[in-house]
Amino acid sequence: GIPTLDERISILKVVTKTLTMEPDVNFFEIANMTPGFVGADLHLLIKEACIVAIRRKHKELEGSNELDNPNSEKLANFSVRFDELKEATKRVQPSAMREGFTTIP
């Protein structure tokens, strides 16, 4: 079935346990923003937030001409922010609400 609010919080914590998240990340609020999301949807949400974070960091490195420096100090503190998770909620739909296509034989 579809996970409850508490189950979504637990799923988000498990999916992000190997990621560096900013201290202001509020899993309760993200879980509240994702009714109808199953585990795979929440995993996709986290992946989308990571893409948003990578784009932000790319712009920062490009702006300081450190894009070609893999040892840049600016990479040492790379983490996903709460606003990036909120942005990802606008881009990911729960699988139950995605439009499906059927083929009639």
N, C-alpha and C. Protein backbone atom coordinates (compact mmCIF):
# COMPACT_ATOMS: atom_id res chain seq x y z
N GLY A 1 0.81 -1.19 0.00
CA GLY A 1 0.00 0.00 0.00
C GLY A 1 0.86 1.26 0.00
N ILE A 2 0.21 2.36 0.12
CA ILE A 2 0.89 3.66 0.12
C ILE A 2 1.37 3.95 1.54
N PRO A 3 2.64 4.35 1.70
CA PRO A 3 3.19 4.59 3.03
C PRO A 3 2.51 5.75 3.76
N THR A 4 2.43 5.62 5.07
CA THR A 4 1.90 6.69 5.92
C THR A 4 2.96 7.78 6.05
N LEU A 5 2.60 8.86 6.72
CA LEU A 5 3.53 9.96 6.94
C LEU A 5 4.79 9.47 7.65
N ASP A 6 4.63 8.73 8.73
CA ASP A 6 5.79 8.21 9.48
C ASP A 6 6.64 7.27 8.62
N GLU A 7 5.99 6.46 7.82
CA GLU A 7 6.73 5.54 6.94
C GLU A 7 7.51 6.31 5.88
N ARG A 8 6.92 7.39 5.36
CA ARG A 8 7.64 8.22 4.37
C ARG A 8 8.85 8.88 5.01
N ILE A 9 8.73 9.34 6.25
CA ILE A 9 9.87 9.92 6.96
C ILE A 9 10.98 8.88 7.09
N SER A 10 10.61 7.67 7.48
CA SER A 10 11.60 6.58 7.62
C SER A 10 12.26 6.26 6.28
N ILE A 11 11.48 6.21 5.22
CA ILE A 11 12.02 5.91 3.88
C ILE A 11 13.01 7.00 3.48
N LEU A 12 12.63 8.27 3.69
CA LEU A 12 13.53 9.38 3.33
C LEU A 12 14.84 9.30 4.09
N LYS A 13 14.78 8.94 5.37
CA LYS A 13 16.00 8.83 6.18
C LYS A 13 16.88 7.69 5.68
N VAL A 14 16.27 6.57 5.30
CA VAL A 14 17.05 5.44 4.80
C VAL A 14 17.69 5.78 3.46
N VAL A 15 16.93 6.40 2.56
CA VAL A 15 17.42 6.73 1.23
C VAL A 15 18.56 7.75 1.29
N THR A 16 18.53 8.64 2.29
CA THR A 16 19.54 9.70 2.36
C THR A 16 20.67 9.40 3.33
N LYS A 17 20.71 8.21 3.92
CA LYS A 17 21.71 7.95 4.96
C LYS A 17 23.14 8.02 4.46
N THR A 18 23.38 7.79 3.16
CA THR A 18 24.74 7.88 2.63
C THR A 18 25.04 9.25 2.01
N LEU A 19 24.08 10.16 2.06
CA LEU A 19 24.25 11.50 1.48
C LEU A 19 24.54 12.51 2.59
N THR A 20 25.19 13.59 2.22
CA THR A 20 25.39 14.69 3.16
C THR A 20 24.25 15.68 2.96
N MET A 21 23.44 15.81 3.99
CA MET A 21 22.30 16.71 3.94
C MET A 21 22.59 17.91 4.84
N GLU A 22 22.10 19.07 4.46
CA GLU A 22 22.23 20.27 5.30
C GLU A 22 21.47 20.03 6.61
N PRO A 23 21.92 20.63 7.70
CA PRO A 23 21.24 20.43 8.99
C PRO A 23 19.79 20.92 9.01
N ASP A 24 19.44 21.86 8.11
CA ASP A 24 18.08 22.39 8.11
C ASP A 24 17.07 21.50 7.39
N VAL A 25 17.51 20.36 6.84
CA VAL A 25 16.60 19.47 6.12
C VAL A 25 15.57 18.92 7.11
N ASN A 26 14.30 19.13 6.77
CA ASN A 26 13.19 18.72 7.63
C ASN A 26 12.44 17.59 6.93
N PHE A 27 12.74 16.36 7.33
CA PHE A 27 12.11 15.20 6.69
C PHE A 27 10.61 15.17 6.95
N PHE A 28 10.17 15.66 8.10
CA PHE A 28 8.73 15.70 8.38
C PHE A 28 8.01 16.57 7.36
N GLU A 29 8.58 17.74 7.07
CA GLU A 29 7.93 18.64 6.11
C GLU A 29 7.93 18.05 4.70
N ILE A 30 9.05 17.43 4.31
CA ILE A 30 9.12 16.81 2.99
C ILE A 30 8.10 15.66 2.91
N ALA A 31 8.00 14.86 3.96
CA ALA A 31 7.03 13.76 3.97
C ALA A 31 5.60 14.31 3.89
N ASN A 32 5.36 15.44 4.54
CA ASN A 32 4.05 16.09 4.47
C ASN A 32 3.72 16.57 3.06
N MET A 33 4.76 16.94 2.31
CA MET A 33 4.58 17.46 0.94
C MET A 33 4.45 16.35 -0.09
N THR A 34 4.56 15.09 0.35
CA THR A 34 4.60 13.97 -0.60
C THR A 34 3.54 12.90 -0.32
N PRO A 35 2.27 13.30 -0.12
CA PRO A 35 1.25 12.27 0.08
C PRO A 35 1.07 11.45 -1.19
N GLY A 36 0.90 10.15 -1.04
CA GLY A 36 0.72 9.28 -2.20
C GLY A 36 2.02 8.76 -2.78
N PHE A 37 3.16 9.23 -2.27
CA PHE A 37 4.45 8.77 -2.77
C PHE A 37 4.78 7.41 -2.14
N VAL A 38 5.26 6.49 -2.97
CA VAL A 38 5.76 5.21 -2.48
C VAL A 38 7.29 5.29 -2.41
N GLY A 39 7.93 4.23 -1.94
CA GLY A 39 9.38 4.24 -1.77
C GLY A 39 10.14 4.63 -3.03
N ALA A 40 9.75 4.08 -4.17
CA ALA A 40 10.43 4.40 -5.43
C ALA A 40 10.28 5.88 -5.79
N ASP A 41 9.12 6.43 -5.50
CA ASP A 41 8.89 7.86 -5.77
C ASP A 41 9.78 8.73 -4.88
N LEU A 42 9.91 8.34 -3.63
CA LEU A 42 10.75 9.10 -2.70
C LEU A 42 12.22 8.98 -3.09
N HIS A 43 12.61 7.81 -3.57
CA HIS A 43 13.99 7.63 -4.05
C HIS A 43 14.24 8.54 -5.24
N LEU A 44 13.29 8.60 -6.17
CA LEU A 44 13.40 9.48 -7.33
C LEU A 44 13.44 10.95 -6.89
N LEU A 45 12.67 11.30 -5.88
CA LEU A 45 12.67 12.66 -5.34
C LEU A 45 14.06 13.05 -4.83
N ILE A 46 14.71 12.14 -4.11
CA ILE A 46 16.04 12.40 -3.59
C ILE A 46 17.04 12.53 -4.73
N LYS A 47 16.93 11.66 -5.74
CA LYS A 47 17.82 11.75 -6.90
C LYS A 47 17.66 13.09 -7.60
N GLU A 48 16.42 13.55 -7.74
CA GLU A 48 16.16 14.84 -8.38
C GLU A 48 16.74 15.98 -7.56
N ALA A 49 16.62 15.92 -6.24
CA ALA A 49 17.20 16.94 -5.37
C ALA A 49 18.72 16.96 -5.52
N CYS A 50 19.32 15.78 -5.68
CA CYS A 50 20.78 15.72 -5.88
C CYS A 50 21.18 16.37 -7.20
N ILE A 51 20.38 16.18 -8.23
CA ILE A 51 20.66 16.81 -9.52
C ILE A 51 20.60 18.33 -9.37
N VAL A 52 19.60 18.83 -8.66
CA VAL A 52 19.48 20.27 -8.42
C VAL A 52 20.71 20.77 -7.65
N ALA A 53 21.15 20.00 -6.66
CA ALA A 53 22.33 20.38 -5.86
C ALA A 53 23.60 20.38 -6.70
N ILE A 54 23.74 19.39 -7.57
CA ILE A 54 24.91 19.32 -8.45
C ILE A 54 24.94 20.51 -9.41
N ARG A 55 23.78 20.88 -9.93
CA ARG A 55 23.73 22.05 -10.82
C ARG A 55 24.14 23.32 -10.08
N ARG A 56 23.69 23.45 -8.82
CA ARG A 56 24.07 24.62 -8.01
C ARG A 56 25.58 24.64 -7.80
N LYS A 57 26.15 23.52 -7.42
CA LYS A 57 27.59 23.45 -7.15
C LYS A 57 28.39 23.71 -8.43
N HIS A 58 27.89 23.21 -9.56
CA HIS A 58 28.56 23.44 -10.85
C HIS A 58 28.64 24.93 -11.14
N LYS A 59 27.53 25.64 -10.91
CA LYS A 59 27.52 27.09 -11.13
C LYS A 59 28.50 27.80 -10.20
N GLU A 60 28.55 27.35 -8.93
CA GLU A 60 29.47 27.96 -7.97
C GLU A 60 30.92 27.76 -8.41
N LEU A 61 31.26 26.55 -8.83
CA LEU A 61 32.63 26.26 -9.26
C LEU A 61 32.97 27.01 -10.54
N GLU A 62 32.00 27.09 -11.44
CA GLU A 62 32.22 27.80 -12.71
C GLU A 62 32.45 29.28 -12.44
N GLY A 63 31.69 29.84 -11.50
CA GLY A 63 31.82 31.26 -11.16
C GLY A 63 33.15 31.60 -10.52
N SER A 64 33.77 30.65 -9.86
CA SER A 64 35.06 30.91 -9.21
C SER A 64 36.22 30.28 -9.98
N ASN A 65 35.98 29.90 -11.23
CA ASN A 65 37.00 29.30 -12.11
C ASN A 65 37.68 28.08 -11.49
N GLU A 66 36.94 27.29 -10.75
CA GLU A 66 37.50 26.08 -10.13
C GLU A 66 36.86 24.82 -10.69
N LEU A 67 36.20 24.94 -11.82
CA LEU A 67 35.49 23.81 -12.41
C LEU A 67 36.43 22.66 -12.76
N ASP A 68 37.66 22.96 -13.15
CA ASP A 68 38.61 21.92 -13.54
C ASP A 68 39.48 21.43 -12.38
N ASN A 69 39.19 21.89 -11.17
CA ASN A 69 39.99 21.51 -10.00
C ASN A 69 39.22 20.49 -9.16
N PRO A 70 39.53 19.20 -9.32
CA PRO A 70 38.80 18.19 -8.54
C PRO A 70 39.12 18.24 -7.05
N ASN A 71 40.16 18.96 -6.66
CA ASN A 71 40.55 19.07 -5.26
C ASN A 71 40.08 20.38 -4.64
N SER A 72 39.17 21.06 -5.31
CA SER A 72 38.68 22.35 -4.82
C SER A 72 38.11 22.22 -3.40
N GLU A 73 38.44 23.19 -2.58
CA GLU A 73 37.90 23.23 -1.21
C GLU A 73 36.38 23.35 -1.23
N LYS A 74 35.85 23.92 -2.32
CA LYS A 74 34.41 24.13 -2.41
C LYS A 74 33.65 22.81 -2.56
N LEU A 75 34.35 21.74 -2.92
CA LEU A 75 33.70 20.43 -3.02
C LEU A 75 33.64 19.73 -1.67
N ALA A 76 34.48 20.13 -0.74
CA ALA A 76 34.57 19.46 0.56
C ALA A 76 33.27 19.57 1.36
N ASN A 77 32.55 20.65 1.19
CA ASN A 77 31.33 20.85 1.98
C ASN A 77 30.06 20.67 1.14
N PHE A 78 30.13 19.85 0.11
CA PHE A 78 28.97 19.65 -0.77
C PHE A 78 27.87 18.89 -0.03
N SER A 79 26.68 19.44 -0.05
CA SER A 79 25.54 18.78 0.59
C SER A 79 24.26 19.22 -0.10
N VAL A 80 23.21 18.45 0.15
CA VAL A 80 21.89 18.75 -0.42
C VAL A 80 21.15 19.63 0.58
N ARG A 81 20.54 20.68 0.07
CA ARG A 81 19.83 21.66 0.90
C ARG A 81 18.33 21.36 0.94
N PHE A 82 17.68 21.89 1.96
CA PHE A 82 16.24 21.71 2.11
C PHE A 82 15.49 22.33 0.93
N ASP A 83 15.91 23.50 0.47
CA ASP A 83 15.22 24.14 -0.66
C ASP A 83 15.34 23.30 -1.93
N GLU A 84 16.42 22.54 -2.07
CA GLU A 84 16.58 21.66 -3.24
C GLU A 84 15.63 20.48 -3.15
N LEU A 85 15.38 19.99 -1.95
CA LEU A 85 14.38 18.93 -1.78
C LEU A 85 12.99 19.47 -2.10
N LYS A 86 12.70 20.68 -1.65
CA LYS A 86 11.39 21.27 -1.95
C LYS A 86 11.23 21.49 -3.45
N GLU A 87 12.29 21.92 -4.12
CA GLU A 87 12.26 22.09 -5.58
C GLU A 87 11.98 20.76 -6.26
N ALA A 88 12.58 19.70 -5.76
CA ALA A 88 12.38 18.37 -6.35
C ALA A 88 10.94 17.90 -6.22
N THR A 89 10.24 18.32 -5.16
CA THR A 89 8.84 17.91 -5.01
C THR A 89 7.97 18.47 -6.13
N LYS A 90 8.40 19.57 -6.74
CA LYS A 90 7.64 20.14 -7.85
C LYS A 90 7.87 19.36 -9.15
N ARG A 91 8.96 18.60 -9.21
CA ARG A 91 9.34 17.91 -10.43
C ARG A 91 8.95 16.44 -10.47
N VAL A 92 8.68 15.86 -9.30
CA VAL A 92 8.40 14.43 -9.21
C VAL A 92 6.94 14.23 -8.80
N GLN A 93 6.25 13.38 -9.55
CA GLN A 93 4.86 13.06 -9.23
C GLN A 93 4.80 11.66 -8.63
N PRO A 94 3.84 11.42 -7.74
CA PRO A 94 3.69 10.06 -7.24
C PRO A 94 3.27 9.12 -8.37
N SER A 95 3.79 7.91 -8.35
CA SER A 95 3.52 6.97 -9.45
C SER A 95 2.03 6.69 -9.60
N ALA A 96 1.27 6.78 -8.54
CA ALA A 96 -0.17 6.53 -8.62
C ALA A 96 -0.89 7.61 -9.43
N MET A 97 -0.26 8.79 -9.56
CA MET A 97 -0.91 9.89 -10.29
C MET A 97 -0.35 10.09 -11.69
N ARG A 98 0.67 9.30 -12.05
CA ARG A 98 1.22 9.43 -13.39
C ARG A 98 0.24 8.86 -14.40
N GLU A 99 0.19 9.48 -15.54
CA GLU A 99 -0.72 9.04 -16.58
C GLU A 99 -0.13 7.80 -17.25
N GLY A 100 -0.94 6.81 -17.41
CA GLY A 100 -0.49 5.59 -18.05
C GLY A 100 -1.08 5.44 -19.44
N PHE A 101 -0.44 4.64 -20.23
CA PHE A 101 -0.94 4.38 -21.57
C PHE A 101 -1.21 2.90 -21.70
N THR A 102 -2.31 2.57 -22.32
CA THR A 102 -2.60 1.18 -22.56
C THR A 102 -2.76 0.97 -24.05
N THR A 103 -2.43 -0.22 -24.48
CA THR A 103 -2.55 -0.56 -25.89
C THR A 103 -3.64 -1.59 -26.03
N ILE A 104 -4.55 -1.33 -26.94
CA ILE A 104 -5.63 -2.28 -27.19
C ILE A 104 -5.18 -3.17 -28.35
N PRO A 105 -5.13 -4.49 -28.09
CA PRO A 105 -4.63 -5.40 -29.14
C PRO A 105 -5.56 -5.49 -30.34
